[in-house]
Amino acid sequence: MPEFQKILIANRGEIAIRIMRAANEMGKKTVAVFAEEDKLGLHRFKADEAYRIGEGLGPVQAYLSIEEIIRDAKASGGD
């Protein structure tokens, strides 16, 4: 099985930053998803790529939008 090169992190805040730090130490690229309310969140800017999710939804529902997260994982080429 080939080793992954890019990971989509479907989380925000401190957890997302910790995952990004570990991925960076491993030489892996990161992709963040963010709700409108998190457009200025640190995890959005620390990631190599970022995609907005949950348009018209609140922040909790946005991060539970599985179809959008999968779509963005595929669009970004995430493993």
PDB file of N, CA and C in Angstrom:
ATOM      1  N   MET A   1       0.846  -1.185   0.000  1.00  0.00           N
ATOM      2  CA  MET A   1       0.000   0.000   0.000  1.00  0.00           C
ATOM      3  C   MET A   1       0.888   1.243   0.000  1.00  0.00           C
ATOM      4  N   PRO A   2       0.648   2.189  -0.921  1.00  0.00           N
ATOM      5  CA  PRO A   2       1.474   3.399  -0.970  1.00  0.00           C
ATOM      6  C   PRO A   2       1.232   4.300   0.237  1.00  0.00           C
ATOM      7  N   GLU A   3       2.247   5.026   0.608  1.00  0.00           N
ATOM      8  CA  GLU A   3       2.147   5.954   1.726  1.00  0.00           C
ATOM      9  C   GLU A   3       1.376   7.199   1.300  1.00  0.00           C
ATOM     10  N   PHE A   4       0.567   7.742   2.187  1.00  0.00           N
ATOM     11  CA  PHE A   4      -0.199   8.940   1.845  1.00  0.00           C
ATOM     12  C   PHE A   4       0.714  10.163   1.778  1.00  0.00           C
ATOM     13  N   GLN A   5       0.306  11.144   0.978  1.00  0.00           N
ATOM     14  CA  GLN A   5       1.084  12.372   0.805  1.00  0.00           C
ATOM     15  C   GLN A   5       0.321  13.626   1.229  1.00  0.00           C
ATOM     16  N   LYS A   6      -1.013  13.543   1.224  1.00  0.00           N
ATOM     17  CA  LYS A   6      -1.827  14.714   1.545  1.00  0.00           C
ATOM     18  C   LYS A   6      -3.020  14.268   2.372  1.00  0.00           C
ATOM     19  N   ILE A   7      -3.288  15.003   3.462  1.00  0.00           N
ATOM     20  CA  ILE A   7      -4.375  14.640   4.368  1.00  0.00           C
ATOM     21  C   ILE A   7      -5.347  15.806   4.520  1.00  0.00           C
ATOM     22  N   LEU A   8      -6.631  15.498   4.405  1.00  0.00           N
ATOM     23  CA  LEU A   8      -7.660  16.504   4.665  1.00  0.00           C
ATOM     24  C   LEU A   8      -8.036  16.391   6.135  1.00  0.00           C
ATOM     25  N   ILE A   9      -8.018  17.521   6.822  1.00  0.00           N
ATOM     26  CA  ILE A   9      -8.320  17.567   8.246  1.00  0.00           C
ATOM     27  C   ILE A   9      -9.699  18.189   8.417  1.00  0.00           C
ATOM     28  N   ALA A  10     -10.653  17.351   8.756  1.00  0.00           N
ATOM     29  CA  ALA A  10     -12.045  17.791   8.888  1.00  0.00           C
ATOM     30  C   ALA A  10     -12.319  18.193  10.333  1.00  0.00           C
ATOM     31  N   ASN A  11     -11.524  19.120  10.820  1.00  0.00           N
ATOM     32  CA  ASN A  11     -11.647  19.596  12.182  1.00  0.00           C
ATOM     33  C   ASN A  11     -11.169  21.038  12.199  1.00  0.00           C
ATOM     34  N   ARG A  12     -11.273  21.679  13.331  1.00  0.00           N
ATOM     35  CA  ARG A  12     -10.829  23.068  13.434  1.00  0.00           C
ATOM     36  C   ARG A  12     -10.136  23.279  14.769  1.00  0.00           C
ATOM     37  N   GLY A  13      -9.587  24.450  14.968  1.00  0.00           N
ATOM     38  CA  GLY A  13      -8.990  24.798  16.247  1.00  0.00           C
ATOM     39  C   GLY A  13      -7.710  24.046  16.558  1.00  0.00           C
ATOM     40  N   GLU A  14      -7.507  23.850  17.851  1.00  0.00           N
ATOM     41  CA  GLU A  14      -6.256  23.270  18.332  1.00  0.00           C
ATOM     42  C   GLU A  14      -5.998  21.871  17.791  1.00  0.00           C
ATOM     43  N   ILE A  15      -7.035  21.062  17.686  1.00  0.00           N
ATOM     44  CA  ILE A  15      -6.864  19.707  17.174  1.00  0.00           C
ATOM     45  C   ILE A  15      -6.325  19.743  15.748  1.00  0.00           C
ATOM     46  N   ALA A  16      -6.925  20.584  14.906  1.00  0.00           N
ATOM     47  CA  ALA A  16      -6.476  20.695  13.517  1.00  0.00           C
ATOM     48  C   ALA A  16      -5.022  21.163  13.454  1.00  0.00           C
ATOM     49  N   ILE A  17      -4.662  22.119  14.275  1.00  0.00           N
ATOM     50  CA  ILE A  17      -3.291  22.637  14.282  1.00  0.00           C
ATOM     51  C   ILE A  17      -2.311  21.545  14.698  1.00  0.00           C
ATOM     52  N   ARG A  18      -2.667  20.743  15.673  1.00  0.00           N
ATOM     53  CA  ARG A  18      -1.785  19.656  16.109  1.00  0.00           C
ATOM     54  C   ARG A  18      -1.592  18.618  15.005  1.00  0.00           C
ATOM     55  N   ILE A  19      -2.677  18.302  14.307  1.00  0.00           N
ATOM     56  CA  ILE A  19      -2.572  17.352  13.194  1.00  0.00           C
ATOM     57  C   ILE A  19      -1.684  17.928  12.099  1.00  0.00           C
ATOM     58  N   MET A  20      -1.861  19.212  11.798  1.00  0.00           N
ATOM     59  CA  MET A  20      -1.050  19.861  10.759  1.00  0.00           C
ATOM     60  C   MET A  20       0.421  19.876  11.148  1.00  0.00           C
ATOM     61  N   ARG A  21       0.700  20.120  12.412  1.00  0.00           N
ATOM     62  CA  ARG A  21       2.091  20.132  12.872  1.00  0.00           C
ATOM     63  C   ARG A  21       2.717  18.754  12.677  1.00  0.00           C
ATOM     64  N   ALA A  22       1.994  17.710  13.058  1.00  0.00           N
ATOM     65  CA  ALA A  22       2.514  16.345  12.900  1.00  0.00           C
ATOM     66  C   ALA A  22       2.696  16.003  11.425  1.00  0.00           C
ATOM     67  N   ALA A  23       1.723  16.374  10.591  1.00  0.00           N
ATOM     68  CA  ALA A  23       1.820  16.100   9.158  1.00  0.00           C
ATOM     69  C   ALA A  23       3.027  16.822   8.561  1.00  0.00           C
ATOM     70  N   ASN A  24       3.226  18.052   8.973  1.00  0.00           N
ATOM     71  CA  ASN A  24       4.359  18.829   8.478  1.00  0.00           C
ATOM     72  C   ASN A  24       5.683  18.180   8.860  1.00  0.00           C
ATOM     73  N   GLU A  25       5.767  17.695  10.088  1.00  0.00           N
ATOM     74  CA  GLU A  25       6.983  17.013  10.538  1.00  0.00           C
ATOM     75  C   GLU A  25       7.243  15.738   9.739  1.00  0.00           C
ATOM     76  N   MET A  26       6.173  15.146   9.222  1.00  0.00           N
ATOM     77  CA  MET A  26       6.292  13.936   8.414  1.00  0.00           C
ATOM     78  C   MET A  26       6.480  14.255   6.934  1.00  0.00           C
ATOM     79  N   GLY A  27       6.468  15.552   6.583  1.00  0.00           N
ATOM     80  CA  GLY A  27       6.643  15.952   5.196  1.00  0.00           C
ATOM     81  C   GLY A  27       5.388  15.790   4.349  1.00  0.00           C
ATOM     82  N   LYS A  28       4.236  15.803   4.988  1.00  0.00           N
ATOM     83  CA  LYS A  28       2.961  15.620   4.278  1.00  0.00           C
ATOM     84  C   LYS A  28       2.260  16.954   4.084  1.00  0.00           C
ATOM     85  N   LYS A  29       1.502  17.077   3.009  1.00  0.00           N
ATOM     86  CA  LYS A  29       0.692  18.264   2.733  1.00  0.00           C
ATOM     87  C   LYS A  29      -0.619  18.159   3.498  1.00  0.00           C
ATOM     88  N   THR A  30      -1.229  19.313   3.811  1.00  0.00           N
ATOM     89  CA  THR A  30      -2.489  19.317   4.547  1.00  0.00           C
ATOM     90  C   THR A  30      -3.544  20.145   3.827  1.00  0.00           C
ATOM     91  N   VAL A  31      -4.784  19.728   4.021  1.00  0.00           N
ATOM     92  CA  VAL A  31      -5.940  20.424   3.464  1.00  0.00           C
ATOM     93  C   VAL A  31      -6.900  20.671   4.616  1.00  0.00           C
ATOM     94  N   ALA A  32      -7.364  21.906   4.743  1.00  0.00           N
ATOM     95  CA  ALA A  32      -8.328  22.255   5.784  1.00  0.00           C
ATOM     96  C   ALA A  32      -9.683  22.535   5.153  1.00  0.00           C
ATOM     97  N   VAL A  33     -10.723  22.279   5.922  1.00  0.00           N
ATOM     98  CA  VAL A  33     -12.056  22.737   5.562  1.00  0.00           C
ATOM     99  C   VAL A  33     -12.470  23.724   6.643  1.00  0.00           C
ATOM    100  N   PHE A  34     -13.263  24.713   6.262  1.00  0.00           N
ATOM    101  CA  PHE A  34     -13.664  25.721   7.240  1.00  0.00           C
ATOM    102  C   PHE A  34     -15.062  26.231   6.952  1.00  0.00           C
ATOM    103  N   ALA A  35     -15.782  26.524   8.017  1.00  0.00           N
ATOM    104  CA  ALA A  35     -17.095  27.143   7.925  1.00  0.00           C
ATOM    105  C   ALA A  35     -16.916  28.653   7.791  1.00  0.00           C
ATOM    106  N   GLU A  36     -17.934  29.327   7.343  1.00  0.00           N
ATOM    107  CA  GLU A  36     -17.882  30.791   7.191  1.00  0.00           C
ATOM    108  C   GLU A  36     -17.401  31.456   8.483  1.00  0.00           C
ATOM    109  N   GLU A  37     -17.873  30.977   9.617  1.00  0.00           N
ATOM    110  CA  GLU A  37     -17.493  31.567  10.905  1.00  0.00           C
ATOM    111  C   GLU A  37     -16.020  31.382  11.219  1.00  0.00           C
ATOM    112  N   ASP A  38     -15.372  30.457  10.561  1.00  0.00           N
ATOM    113  CA  ASP A  38     -13.949  30.190  10.790  1.00  0.00           C
ATOM    114  C   ASP A  38     -13.054  30.705   9.663  1.00  0.00           C
ATOM    115  N   LYS A  39     -13.578  31.605   8.852  1.00  0.00           N
ATOM    116  CA  LYS A  39     -12.788  32.069   7.704  1.00  0.00           C
ATOM    117  C   LYS A  39     -11.488  32.751   8.112  1.00  0.00           C
ATOM    118  N   LEU A  40     -11.394  33.222   9.340  1.00  0.00           N
ATOM    119  CA  LEU A  40     -10.149  33.821   9.829  1.00  0.00           C
ATOM    120  C   LEU A  40      -9.423  32.900  10.812  1.00  0.00           C
ATOM    121  N   GLY A  41      -9.880  31.672  10.916  1.00  0.00           N
ATOM    122  CA  GLY A  41      -9.283  30.714  11.840  1.00  0.00           C
ATOM    123  C   GLY A  41      -7.866  30.327  11.431  1.00  0.00           C
ATOM    124  N   LEU A  42      -7.031  30.106  12.420  1.00  0.00           N
ATOM    125  CA  LEU A  42      -5.629  29.765  12.168  1.00  0.00           C
ATOM    126  C   LEU A  42      -5.480  28.492  11.348  1.00  0.00           C
ATOM    127  N   HIS A  43      -6.343  27.511  11.581  1.00  0.00           N
ATOM    128  CA  HIS A  43      -6.207  26.249  10.843  1.00  0.00           C
ATOM    129  C   HIS A  43      -6.366  26.453   9.344  1.00  0.00           C
ATOM    130  N   ARG A  44      -7.165  27.435   8.947  1.00  0.00           N
ATOM    131  CA  ARG A  44      -7.334  27.726   7.511  1.00  0.00           C
ATOM    132  C   ARG A  44      -6.029  28.203   6.887  1.00  0.00           C
ATOM    133  N   PHE A  45      -5.291  29.014   7.603  1.00  0.00           N
ATOM    134  CA  PHE A  45      -4.074  29.598   7.049  1.00  0.00           C
ATOM    135  C   PHE A  45      -2.840  28.721   7.235  1.00  0.00           C
ATOM    136  N   LYS A  46      -2.861  27.817   8.211  1.00  0.00           N
ATOM    137  CA  LYS A  46      -1.739  26.907   8.435  1.00  0.00           C
ATOM    138  C   LYS A  46      -1.707  25.773   7.413  1.00  0.00           C
ATOM    139  N   ALA A  47      -2.855  25.444   6.842  1.00  0.00           N
ATOM    140  CA  ALA A  47      -2.949  24.347   5.880  1.00  0.00           C
ATOM    141  C   ALA A  47      -2.348  24.769   4.535  1.00  0.00           C
ATOM    142  N   ASP A  48      -1.924  23.785   3.762  1.00  0.00           N
ATOM    143  CA  ASP A  48      -1.418  24.064   2.422  1.00  0.00           C
ATOM    144  C   ASP A  48      -2.547  24.486   1.484  1.00  0.00           C
ATOM    145  N   GLU A  49      -3.750  23.953   1.728  1.00  0.00           N
ATOM    146  CA  GLU A  49      -4.940  24.299   0.951  1.00  0.00           C
ATOM    147  C   GLU A  49      -6.112  24.395   1.922  1.00  0.00           C
ATOM    148  N   ALA A  50      -7.133  25.169   1.552  1.00  0.00           N
ATOM    149  CA  ALA A  50      -8.326  25.262   2.397  1.00  0.00           C
ATOM    150  C   ALA A  50      -9.566  25.425   1.528  1.00  0.00           C
ATOM    151  N   TYR A  51     -10.646  24.776   1.958  1.00  0.00           N
ATOM    152  CA  TYR A  51     -11.917  24.816   1.229  1.00  0.00           C
ATOM    153  C   TYR A  51     -13.037  25.193   2.196  1.00  0.00           C
ATOM    154  N   ARG A  52     -13.901  26.087   1.741  1.00  0.00           N
ATOM    155  CA  ARG A  52     -15.050  26.494   2.553  1.00  0.00           C
ATOM    156  C   ARG A  52     -16.152  25.450   2.419  1.00  0.00           C
ATOM    157  N   ILE A  53     -16.782  25.138   3.530  1.00  0.00           N
ATOM    158  CA  ILE A  53     -17.872  24.162   3.537  1.00  0.00           C
ATOM    159  C   ILE A  53     -19.090  24.753   4.246  1.00  0.00           C
ATOM    160  N   GLY A  54     -20.245  24.151   3.998  1.00  0.00           N
ATOM    161  CA  GLY A  54     -21.449  24.474   4.753  1.00  0.00           C
ATOM    162  C   GLY A  54     -22.056  25.831   4.501  1.00  0.00           C
ATOM    163  N   GLU A  55     -22.043  26.280   3.267  1.00  0.00           N
ATOM    164  CA  GLU A  55     -22.636  27.585   2.975  1.00  0.00           C
ATOM    165  C   GLU A  55     -24.095  27.609   3.426  1.00  0.00           C
ATOM    166  N   GLY A  56     -24.437  28.614   4.209  1.00  0.00           N
ATOM    167  CA  GLY A  56     -25.795  28.756   4.707  1.00  0.00           C
ATOM    168  C   GLY A  56     -26.094  27.938   5.951  1.00  0.00           C
ATOM    169  N   LEU A  57     -25.125  27.169   6.410  1.00  0.00           N
ATOM    170  CA  LEU A  57     -25.292  26.362   7.615  1.00  0.00           C
ATOM    171  C   LEU A  57     -24.535  27.006   8.766  1.00  0.00           C
ATOM    172  N   GLY A  58     -24.889  26.659   9.970  1.00  0.00           N
ATOM    173  CA  GLY A  58     -24.121  27.106  11.126  1.00  0.00           C
ATOM    174  C   GLY A  58     -22.807  26.354  11.188  1.00  0.00           C
ATOM    175  N   PRO A  59     -21.910  26.760  12.078  1.00  0.00           N
ATOM    176  CA  PRO A  59     -20.595  26.124  12.130  1.00  0.00           C
ATOM    177  C   PRO A  59     -20.638  24.637  12.485  1.00  0.00           C
ATOM    178  N   VAL A  60     -21.511  24.240  13.382  1.00  0.00           N
ATOM    179  CA  VAL A  60     -21.576  22.827  13.757  1.00  0.00           C
ATOM    180  C   VAL A  60     -22.064  22.002  12.569  1.00  0.00           C
ATOM    181  N   GLN A  61     -23.132  22.423  11.935  1.00  0.00           N
ATOM    182  CA  GLN A  61     -23.678  21.684  10.798  1.00  0.00           C
ATOM    183  C   GLN A  61     -22.714  21.672   9.618  1.00  0.00           C
ATOM    184  N   ALA A  62     -21.962  22.748   9.436  1.00  0.00           N
ATOM    185  CA  ALA A  62     -20.999  22.798   8.326  1.00  0.00           C
ATOM    186  C   ALA A  62     -19.973  21.671   8.449  1.00  0.00           C
ATOM    187  N   TYR A  63     -19.434  21.465   9.661  1.00  0.00           N
ATOM    188  CA  TYR A  63     -18.422  20.428   9.857  1.00  0.00           C
ATOM    189  C   TYR A  63     -19.014  19.021   9.852  1.00  0.00           C
ATOM    190  N   LEU A  64     -20.337  18.918   9.846  1.00  0.00           N
ATOM    191  CA  LEU A  64     -21.007  17.624   9.732  1.00  0.00           C
ATOM    192  C   LEU A  64     -21.495  17.370   8.311  1.00  0.00           C
ATOM    193  N   SER A  65     -21.137  18.247   7.389  1.00  0.00           N
ATOM    194  CA  SER A  65     -21.538  18.128   5.992  1.00  0.00           C
ATOM    195  C   SER A  65     -20.604  17.142   5.278  1.00  0.00           C
ATOM    196  N   ILE A  66     -20.854  15.868   5.490  1.00  0.00           N
ATOM    197  CA  ILE A  66     -19.968  14.803   5.021  1.00  0.00           C
ATOM    198  C   ILE A  66     -19.788  14.831   3.504  1.00  0.00           C
ATOM    199  N   GLU A  67     -20.869  15.047   2.771  1.00  0.00           N
ATOM    200  CA  GLU A  67     -20.766  15.064   1.303  1.00  0.00           C
ATOM    201  C   GLU A  67     -19.808  16.145   0.827  1.00  0.00           C
ATOM    202  N   GLU A  68     -19.861  17.325   1.443  1.00  0.00           N
ATOM    203  CA  GLU A  68     -18.947  18.404   1.050  1.00  0.00           C
ATOM    204  C   GLU A  68     -17.506  18.069   1.419  1.00  0.00           C
ATOM    205  N   ILE A  69     -17.317  17.475   2.564  1.00  0.00           N
ATOM    206  CA  ILE A  69     -15.964  17.129   2.994  1.00  0.00           C
ATOM    207  C   ILE A  69     -15.362  16.093   2.054  1.00  0.00           C
ATOM    208  N   ILE A  70     -16.145  15.106   1.681  1.00  0.00           N
ATOM    209  CA  ILE A  70     -15.658  14.091   0.729  1.00  0.00           C
ATOM    210  C   ILE A  70     -15.388  14.725  -0.627  1.00  0.00           C
ATOM    211  N   ARG A  71     -16.263  15.605  -1.068  1.00  0.00           N
ATOM    212  CA  ARG A  71     -16.058  16.296  -2.343  1.00  0.00           C
ATOM    213  C   ARG A  71     -14.729  17.059  -2.325  1.00  0.00           C
ATOM    214  N   ASP A  72     -14.482  17.776  -1.239  1.00  0.00           N
ATOM    215  CA  ASP A  72     -13.252  18.567  -1.144  1.00  0.00           C
ATOM    216  C   ASP A  72     -12.013  17.683  -1.013  1.00  0.00           C
ATOM    217  N   ALA A  73     -12.147  16.547  -0.349  1.00  0.00           N
ATOM    218  CA  ALA A  73     -11.027  15.604  -0.267  1.00  0.00           C
ATOM    219  C   ALA A  73     -10.651  15.118  -1.659  1.00  0.00           C
ATOM    220  N   LYS A  74     -11.648  14.790  -2.446  1.00  0.00           N
ATOM    221  CA  LYS A  74     -11.396  14.346  -3.819  1.00  0.00           C
ATOM    222  C   LYS A  74     -10.839  15.484  -4.677  1.00  0.00           C
ATOM    223  N   ALA A  75     -11.423  16.670  -4.558  1.00  0.00           N
ATOM    224  CA  ALA A  75     -10.977  17.820  -5.354  1.00  0.00           C
ATOM    225  C   ALA A  75      -9.535  18.202  -5.053  1.00  0.00           C
ATOM    226  N   SER A  76      -9.130  18.033  -3.805  1.00  0.00           N
ATOM    227  CA  SER A  76      -7.771  18.431  -3.410  1.00  0.00           C
ATOM    228  C   SER A  76      -6.739  17.352  -3.705  1.00  0.00           C
ATOM    229  N   GLY A  77      -7.208  16.162  -4.050  1.00  0.00           N
ATOM    230  CA  GLY A  77      -6.278  15.060  -4.268  1.00  0.00           C
ATOM    231  C   GLY A  77      -5.778  14.445  -2.978  1.00  0.00           C
ATOM    232  N   GLY A  78      -6.539  14.628  -1.921  1.00  0.00           N
ATOM    233  CA  GLY A  78      -6.156  14.065  -0.620  1.00  0.00           C
ATOM    234  C   GLY A  78      -6.187  12.553  -0.657  1.00  0.00           C
ATOM    235  N   ASP A  79      -5.313  11.961   0.116  1.00  0.00           N
ATOM    236  CA  ASP A  79      -5.258  10.494   0.158  1.00  0.00           C
ATOM    237  C   ASP A  79      -6.272  10.018   1.126  1.00  0.00           C
TER     238      ASP A  79
END
